[in-house]
């Protein structure tokens, strides 16, 4: 997520030194979340079972340390999972977290 969003929102320099500001190659934060959820489910032919939060669908959930839709770009790479549920079971829980 970070690479696509950074190139679009921050005008980050690419390895060749050319600024990508205003680049049409980057994606928005919302597009990144859709790519990781609905689009991934679609690629697996599983969009009727998962990919969106709807009654009757599978819902693995990650609680993040930052709001990825509003956190400043430089802070985005510091976002970590605080709690992760898969199949309704906790598979990861941070010992201590600074939740913003």
Protein backbone atom coordinates (compact mmCIF):
# COMPACT_ATOMS: atom_id res chain seq x y z
CA UNK A 1 0.00 0.00 0.00
CA UNK A 2 2.70 2.40 1.05
CA UNK A 3 4.56 2.50 -2.28
CA UNK A 4 1.54 3.25 -4.44
CA UNK A 5 0.10 5.84 -2.09
CA UNK A 6 3.43 7.54 -1.46
CA UNK A 7 4.05 8.01 -5.16
CA UNK A 8 0.64 9.60 -5.63
CA UNK A 9 0.22 11.72 -2.51
CA UNK A 10 3.68 12.89 -1.58
CA UNK A 11 5.42 13.46 -4.89
CA UNK A 12 8.13 11.10 -3.66
CA UNK A 13 11.18 10.88 -5.87
CA UNK A 14 11.68 7.71 -7.81
CA UNK A 15 15.03 5.94 -8.00
CA UNK A 16 15.86 7.78 -11.24
CA UNK A 17 15.39 11.11 -9.46
CA UNK A 18 12.25 12.04 -11.39
CA UNK A 19 9.50 13.39 -9.19
CA UNK A 20 6.25 11.48 -9.36
CA UNK A 21 4.18 14.43 -8.13
CA UNK A 22 0.88 14.41 -9.93
CA UNK A 23 1.73 10.96 -11.27
CA UNK A 24 -1.20 9.00 -12.61
CA UNK A 25 0.67 5.82 -11.66
CA UNK A 26 0.05 6.18 -7.93
CA UNK A 27 -3.15 5.13 -6.21
CA UNK A 28 -5.26 6.67 -3.46
CA UNK A 29 -5.49 5.18 0.00
CA UNK A 30 -9.03 4.04 -0.75
CA UNK A 31 -7.88 2.34 -3.97
CA UNK A 32 -5.12 0.56 -2.03
CA UNK A 33 -7.59 -0.83 0.51
CA UNK A 34 -9.90 -1.99 -2.28
CA UNK A 35 -6.95 -3.66 -4.02
CA UNK A 36 -6.06 -5.58 -0.86
CA UNK A 37 -9.63 -6.60 -0.08
CA UNK A 38 -12.26 -6.73 -2.83
CA UNK A 39 -9.86 -7.02 -5.76
CA UNK A 40 -7.92 -9.81 -4.05
CA UNK A 41 -11.16 -11.69 -3.37
CA UNK A 42 -12.19 -11.20 -7.00
CA UNK A 43 -8.85 -12.59 -8.21
CA UNK A 44 -9.55 -15.73 -6.15
CA UNK A 45 -13.14 -15.98 -7.49
CA UNK A 46 -14.24 -15.47 -3.86
CA UNK A 47 -15.96 -12.07 -4.08
CA UNK A 48 -19.28 -13.59 -2.97
CA UNK A 49 -17.64 -14.96 0.20
CA UNK A 50 -15.20 -12.20 1.16
CA UNK A 51 -13.69 -8.88 0.15
CA UNK A 52 -16.31 -6.52 1.61
CA UNK A 53 -17.94 -6.19 5.03
CA UNK A 54 -21.43 -7.58 4.54
CA UNK A 55 -23.68 -9.93 6.51
CA UNK A 56 -22.89 -13.54 5.68
CA UNK A 57 -19.38 -12.88 4.32
CA UNK A 58 -16.11 -13.94 5.90
CA UNK A 59 -14.40 -11.07 7.69
CA UNK A 60 -10.78 -11.26 8.80
CA UNK A 61 -10.00 -8.02 10.58
CA UNK A 62 -6.86 -6.06 11.42
CA UNK A 63 -7.00 -3.23 13.96
CA UNK A 64 -4.25 -0.77 13.04
CA UNK A 65 -2.22 1.65 15.15
CA UNK A 66 -3.06 4.60 12.86
CA UNK A 67 -6.04 5.61 10.75
CA UNK A 68 -4.53 4.85 7.33
CA UNK A 69 -6.97 7.22 5.65
CA UNK A 70 -5.90 10.30 7.59
CA UNK A 71 -2.39 9.70 8.98
CA UNK A 72 0.24 12.03 7.45
CA UNK A 73 2.20 10.37 4.64
CA UNK A 74 5.51 10.21 6.57
CA UNK A 75 3.72 8.27 9.34
CA UNK A 76 2.01 5.75 7.03
CA UNK A 77 4.94 3.26 6.98
CA UNK A 78 4.92 3.22 10.81
CA UNK A 79 1.38 1.78 10.92
CA UNK A 80 1.32 -1.58 12.65
CA UNK A 81 -1.27 -4.20 13.49
CA UNK A 82 -2.54 -3.93 17.07
CA UNK A 83 -4.95 -6.83 16.79
CA UNK A 84 -5.61 -9.35 14.02
CA UNK A 85 -8.56 -11.74 13.80
CA UNK A 86 -8.75 -14.56 11.26
CA UNK A 87 -11.75 -16.83 11.07
CA UNK A 88 -13.16 -15.17 14.18
CA UNK A 89 -10.08 -16.01 16.28
CA UNK A 90 -7.39 -13.68 17.58
CA UNK A 91 -4.14 -14.60 15.80
CA UNK A 92 -2.14 -11.56 16.87
CA UNK A 93 -2.40 -9.11 19.74
CA UNK A 94 0.25 -6.48 20.39
CA UNK A 95 1.61 -6.46 23.94
CA UNK A 96 1.44 -2.68 24.21
CA UNK A 97 0.40 -0.20 21.60
CA UNK A 98 0.20 3.54 21.12
CA UNK A 99 -3.15 3.82 19.35
CA UNK A 100 -3.79 7.15 17.62
